[in-house]
Amino acid sequence: MSDTVNEAVKALNAKLDGEGFDGTAKFVIEDEGSLIIDENGAHAGDEDADVTLSASQETFEGILSGDLDPTSAFMSGKLSVDGDMGAAMRLAQVLS
């Protein structure tokens, strides 16, 4: 996996603060790879998930840093969501 994915895993696990996520979500970072968030936290991987979110590295980093609201990113077309919108909304709350 890329350094970007490895750093994202670290950042997400810090945000989750030892808590898991109710469901499974996959983040696909364009040209970098993907990671999974589930009840155990975040890890690099490409398994099937309830919801898949795809974005550029810049968009993903903005969401993680708190500079970009996930809902705003979705509404502006910077973040695409495929699958369970309820899971996506729960994840947005975790990331905010």
N, C-alpha and C. Protein backbone atom coordinates (compact mmCIF):
# COMPACT_ATOMS: atom_id res chain seq x y z
N MET A 1 0.83 -1.19 0.00
CA MET A 1 0.00 0.00 0.00
C MET A 1 0.87 1.25 0.00
N SER A 2 0.30 2.33 -0.44
CA SER A 2 1.04 3.58 -0.55
C SER A 2 1.21 4.24 0.82
N ASP A 3 2.16 5.16 0.88
CA ASP A 3 2.36 5.93 2.10
C ASP A 3 1.10 6.71 2.45
N THR A 4 0.39 7.20 1.44
CA THR A 4 -0.85 7.95 1.67
C THR A 4 -1.86 7.08 2.40
N VAL A 5 -2.05 5.84 1.95
CA VAL A 5 -3.00 4.94 2.60
C VAL A 5 -2.54 4.63 4.02
N ASN A 6 -1.25 4.37 4.20
CA ASN A 6 -0.74 4.07 5.54
C ASN A 6 -0.95 5.25 6.49
N GLU A 7 -0.69 6.46 6.02
CA GLU A 7 -0.92 7.65 6.86
C GLU A 7 -2.40 7.84 7.15
N ALA A 8 -3.25 7.56 6.16
CA ALA A 8 -4.70 7.69 6.35
C ALA A 8 -5.19 6.70 7.40
N VAL A 9 -4.66 5.49 7.39
CA VAL A 9 -5.04 4.48 8.39
C VAL A 9 -4.69 5.00 9.79
N LYS A 10 -3.48 5.54 9.93
CA LYS A 10 -3.06 6.09 11.24
C LYS A 10 -3.99 7.22 11.67
N ALA A 11 -4.28 8.14 10.76
CA ALA A 11 -5.12 9.30 11.08
C ALA A 11 -6.54 8.86 11.44
N LEU A 12 -7.08 7.92 10.70
CA LEU A 12 -8.44 7.45 10.99
C LEU A 12 -8.51 6.74 12.32
N ASN A 13 -7.52 5.91 12.62
CA ASN A 13 -7.52 5.23 13.91
C ASN A 13 -7.40 6.22 15.06
N ALA A 14 -6.65 7.29 14.86
CA ALA A 14 -6.56 8.34 15.89
C ALA A 14 -7.91 9.02 16.06
N LYS A 15 -8.60 9.31 14.95
CA LYS A 15 -9.93 9.93 15.02
C LYS A 15 -10.95 9.01 15.68
N LEU A 16 -10.85 7.72 15.39
CA LEU A 16 -11.79 6.76 15.96
C LEU A 16 -11.52 6.55 17.45
N ASP A 17 -10.31 6.86 17.90
CA ASP A 17 -9.94 6.83 19.32
C ASP A 17 -10.31 5.50 19.98
N GLY A 18 -9.93 4.40 19.32
CA GLY A 18 -10.18 3.09 19.90
C GLY A 18 -11.57 2.53 19.68
N GLU A 19 -12.45 3.35 19.11
CA GLU A 19 -13.80 2.89 18.82
C GLU A 19 -13.85 2.36 17.40
N GLY A 20 -14.67 1.37 17.18
CA GLY A 20 -14.87 0.86 15.83
C GLY A 20 -15.99 1.62 15.15
N PHE A 21 -16.38 1.14 13.99
CA PHE A 21 -17.46 1.75 13.22
C PHE A 21 -18.55 0.70 13.06
N ASP A 22 -19.79 1.11 13.24
CA ASP A 22 -20.93 0.21 13.13
C ASP A 22 -21.24 -0.03 11.66
N GLY A 23 -20.61 -1.04 11.08
CA GLY A 23 -20.74 -1.35 9.66
C GLY A 23 -19.36 -1.42 9.05
N THR A 24 -19.32 -1.43 7.72
CA THR A 24 -18.04 -1.41 7.02
C THR A 24 -18.07 -0.34 5.94
N ALA A 25 -16.99 0.38 5.85
CA ALA A 25 -16.87 1.42 4.83
C ALA A 25 -15.50 1.30 4.18
N LYS A 26 -15.48 1.50 2.87
CA LYS A 26 -14.23 1.48 2.13
C LYS A 26 -13.98 2.87 1.57
N PHE A 27 -12.77 3.38 1.79
CA PHE A 27 -12.33 4.62 1.16
C PHE A 27 -11.40 4.25 0.03
N VAL A 28 -11.71 4.70 -1.16
CA VAL A 28 -10.83 4.53 -2.31
C VAL A 28 -10.21 5.88 -2.60
N ILE A 29 -8.88 5.96 -2.45
CA ILE A 29 -8.15 7.20 -2.71
C ILE A 29 -7.54 7.07 -4.10
N GLU A 30 -8.00 7.91 -5.02
CA GLU A 30 -7.57 7.82 -6.41
C GLU A 30 -6.05 7.73 -6.54
N ASP A 31 -5.59 6.77 -7.32
CA ASP A 31 -4.18 6.55 -7.63
C ASP A 31 -3.33 6.16 -6.42
N GLU A 32 -3.95 5.86 -5.27
CA GLU A 32 -3.19 5.51 -4.07
C GLU A 32 -3.55 4.14 -3.51
N GLY A 33 -4.82 3.79 -3.49
CA GLY A 33 -5.25 2.52 -2.92
C GLY A 33 -6.51 2.70 -2.11
N SER A 34 -6.78 1.71 -1.26
CA SER A 34 -8.01 1.78 -0.47
C SER A 34 -7.78 1.31 0.95
N LEU A 35 -8.73 1.68 1.79
CA LEU A 35 -8.69 1.25 3.18
C LEU A 35 -10.11 0.97 3.65
N ILE A 36 -10.18 0.18 4.70
CA ILE A 36 -11.45 -0.26 5.26
C ILE A 36 -11.58 0.26 6.68
N ILE A 37 -12.78 0.70 7.03
CA ILE A 37 -13.11 1.06 8.41
C ILE A 37 -14.23 0.11 8.84
N ASP A 38 -14.02 -0.57 9.98
CA ASP A 38 -15.04 -1.50 10.49
C ASP A 38 -15.03 -1.49 12.01
N GLU A 39 -15.61 -2.50 12.61
CA GLU A 39 -15.71 -2.53 14.08
C GLU A 39 -14.35 -2.58 14.76
N ASN A 40 -13.29 -2.92 14.03
CA ASN A 40 -11.95 -2.99 14.60
C ASN A 40 -11.12 -1.74 14.35
N GLY A 41 -11.68 -0.76 13.66
CA GLY A 41 -10.94 0.45 13.32
C GLY A 41 -10.63 0.49 11.84
N ALA A 42 -9.54 1.13 11.47
CA ALA A 42 -9.16 1.28 10.06
C ALA A 42 -7.95 0.42 9.74
N HIS A 43 -7.94 -0.13 8.52
CA HIS A 43 -6.78 -0.89 8.03
C HIS A 43 -6.76 -0.82 6.50
N ALA A 44 -5.56 -0.97 5.94
CA ALA A 44 -5.43 -1.00 4.48
C ALA A 44 -6.12 -2.26 3.99
N GLY A 45 -6.89 -2.14 2.92
CA GLY A 45 -7.56 -3.31 2.38
C GLY A 45 -8.53 -2.94 1.29
N ASP A 46 -9.03 -3.98 0.62
CA ASP A 46 -9.92 -3.76 -0.51
C ASP A 46 -11.11 -4.72 -0.45
N GLU A 47 -11.54 -5.10 0.76
CA GLU A 47 -12.65 -6.01 0.92
C GLU A 47 -13.97 -5.33 0.53
N ASP A 48 -15.00 -6.15 0.35
CA ASP A 48 -16.33 -5.60 0.13
C ASP A 48 -16.77 -4.85 1.39
N ALA A 49 -17.56 -3.80 1.21
CA ALA A 49 -18.03 -2.99 2.34
C ALA A 49 -19.47 -2.57 2.09
N ASP A 50 -20.13 -2.11 3.17
CA ASP A 50 -21.50 -1.62 3.07
C ASP A 50 -21.58 -0.39 2.19
N VAL A 51 -20.55 0.45 2.27
CA VAL A 51 -20.51 1.68 1.48
C VAL A 51 -19.08 1.92 1.02
N THR A 52 -18.95 2.42 -0.20
CA THR A 52 -17.64 2.76 -0.75
C THR A 52 -17.63 4.24 -1.07
N LEU A 53 -16.62 4.93 -0.55
CA LEU A 53 -16.46 6.36 -0.78
C LEU A 53 -15.18 6.56 -1.59
N SER A 54 -15.27 7.31 -2.66
CA SER A 54 -14.12 7.54 -3.53
C SER A 54 -13.84 9.02 -3.66
N ALA A 55 -12.55 9.36 -3.57
CA ALA A 55 -12.16 10.77 -3.67
C ALA A 55 -10.69 10.86 -4.04
N SER A 56 -10.28 12.06 -4.43
CA SER A 56 -8.86 12.32 -4.68
C SER A 56 -8.13 12.36 -3.34
N GLN A 57 -6.82 12.27 -3.42
CA GLN A 57 -6.00 12.36 -2.21
C GLN A 57 -6.23 13.70 -1.52
N GLU A 58 -6.29 14.77 -2.29
CA GLU A 58 -6.50 16.10 -1.72
C GLU A 58 -7.83 16.20 -0.97
N THR A 59 -8.89 15.67 -1.56
CA THR A 59 -10.21 15.70 -0.92
C THR A 59 -10.21 14.87 0.35
N PHE A 60 -9.64 13.68 0.27
CA PHE A 60 -9.59 12.80 1.42
C PHE A 60 -8.81 13.45 2.56
N GLU A 61 -7.68 14.05 2.25
CA GLU A 61 -6.88 14.72 3.28
C GLU A 61 -7.64 15.89 3.89
N GLY A 62 -8.41 16.61 3.08
CA GLY A 62 -9.21 17.72 3.59
C GLY A 62 -10.28 17.24 4.56
N ILE A 63 -10.90 16.10 4.25
CA ILE A 63 -11.91 15.53 5.14
C ILE A 63 -11.27 15.10 6.44
N LEU A 64 -10.12 14.41 6.35
CA LEU A 64 -9.45 13.93 7.57
C LEU A 64 -8.98 15.07 8.46
N SER A 65 -8.50 16.15 7.84
CA SER A 65 -7.98 17.26 8.64
C SER A 65 -9.10 18.11 9.24
N GLY A 66 -10.32 17.93 8.74
CA GLY A 66 -11.43 18.73 9.22
C GLY A 66 -11.63 20.00 8.42
N ASP A 67 -10.79 20.22 7.40
CA ASP A 67 -10.92 21.42 6.57
C ASP A 67 -12.06 21.31 5.56
N LEU A 68 -12.51 20.06 5.28
CA LEU A 68 -13.57 19.83 4.30
C LEU A 68 -14.63 18.94 4.92
N ASP A 69 -15.85 19.43 4.95
CA ASP A 69 -16.96 18.67 5.48
C ASP A 69 -17.31 17.54 4.49
N PRO A 70 -17.43 16.28 4.98
CA PRO A 70 -17.75 15.18 4.07
C PRO A 70 -19.04 15.39 3.27
N THR A 71 -20.06 15.96 3.90
CA THR A 71 -21.32 16.20 3.21
C THR A 71 -21.13 17.24 2.11
N SER A 72 -20.38 18.29 2.38
CA SER A 72 -20.09 19.30 1.37
C SER A 72 -19.29 18.70 0.21
N ALA A 73 -18.35 17.84 0.54
CA ALA A 73 -17.54 17.19 -0.49
C ALA A 73 -18.43 16.34 -1.40
N PHE A 74 -19.39 15.65 -0.81
CA PHE A 74 -20.32 14.84 -1.59
C PHE A 74 -21.20 15.72 -2.48
N MET A 75 -21.76 16.76 -1.88
CA MET A 75 -22.68 17.64 -2.61
C MET A 75 -21.98 18.37 -3.77
N SER A 76 -20.69 18.63 -3.62
CA SER A 76 -19.95 19.34 -4.68
C SER A 76 -19.33 18.39 -5.70
N GLY A 77 -19.53 17.08 -5.51
CA GLY A 77 -19.02 16.11 -6.46
C GLY A 77 -17.58 15.69 -6.24
N LYS A 78 -16.98 16.15 -5.16
CA LYS A 78 -15.59 15.78 -4.86
C LYS A 78 -15.49 14.40 -4.22
N LEU A 79 -16.60 13.93 -3.65
CA LEU A 79 -16.65 12.63 -2.98
C LEU A 79 -17.81 11.85 -3.56
N SER A 80 -17.54 10.66 -4.06
CA SER A 80 -18.64 9.83 -4.56
C SER A 80 -18.92 8.72 -3.56
N VAL A 81 -20.19 8.37 -3.46
CA VAL A 81 -20.65 7.37 -2.49
C VAL A 81 -21.43 6.31 -3.24
N ASP A 82 -21.07 5.04 -2.99
CA ASP A 82 -21.77 3.93 -3.62
C ASP A 82 -22.14 2.93 -2.52
N GLY A 83 -23.43 2.69 -2.37
CA GLY A 83 -23.87 1.72 -1.36
C GLY A 83 -24.78 2.35 -0.33
N ASP A 84 -24.67 1.90 0.90
CA ASP A 84 -25.55 2.26 2.00
C ASP A 84 -25.35 3.72 2.44
N MET A 85 -26.28 4.59 2.06
CA MET A 85 -26.16 6.01 2.44
C MET A 85 -26.25 6.20 3.94
N GLY A 86 -26.99 5.34 4.64
CA GLY A 86 -27.07 5.42 6.10
C GLY A 86 -25.69 5.22 6.73
N ALA A 87 -24.95 4.24 6.21
CA ALA A 87 -23.59 4.00 6.71
C ALA A 87 -22.70 5.20 6.40
N ALA A 88 -22.88 5.80 5.21
CA ALA A 88 -22.09 6.98 4.85
C ALA A 88 -22.37 8.13 5.81
N MET A 89 -23.62 8.31 6.18
CA MET A 89 -23.98 9.39 7.11
C MET A 89 -23.40 9.14 8.50
N ARG A 90 -23.45 7.89 8.95
CA ARG A 90 -22.85 7.56 10.26
C ARG A 90 -21.35 7.81 10.24
N LEU A 91 -20.72 7.47 9.14
CA LEU A 91 -19.27 7.69 9.01
C LEU A 91 -18.96 9.18 8.99
N ALA A 92 -19.78 9.97 8.32
CA ALA A 92 -19.56 11.42 8.29
C ALA A 92 -19.58 12.00 9.71
N GLN A 93 -20.45 11.47 10.56
CA GLN A 93 -20.51 11.95 11.95
C GLN A 93 -19.24 11.59 12.70
N VAL A 94 -18.71 10.41 12.43
CA VAL A 94 -17.47 9.97 13.08
C VAL A 94 -16.30 10.86 12.64
N LEU A 95 -16.28 11.23 11.37
CA LEU A 95 -15.15 12.00 10.83
C LEU A 95 -15.23 13.47 11.13
N SER A 96 -16.39 13.97 11.53
CA SER A 96 -16.54 15.41 11.79
C SER A 96 -15.96 15.80 13.12
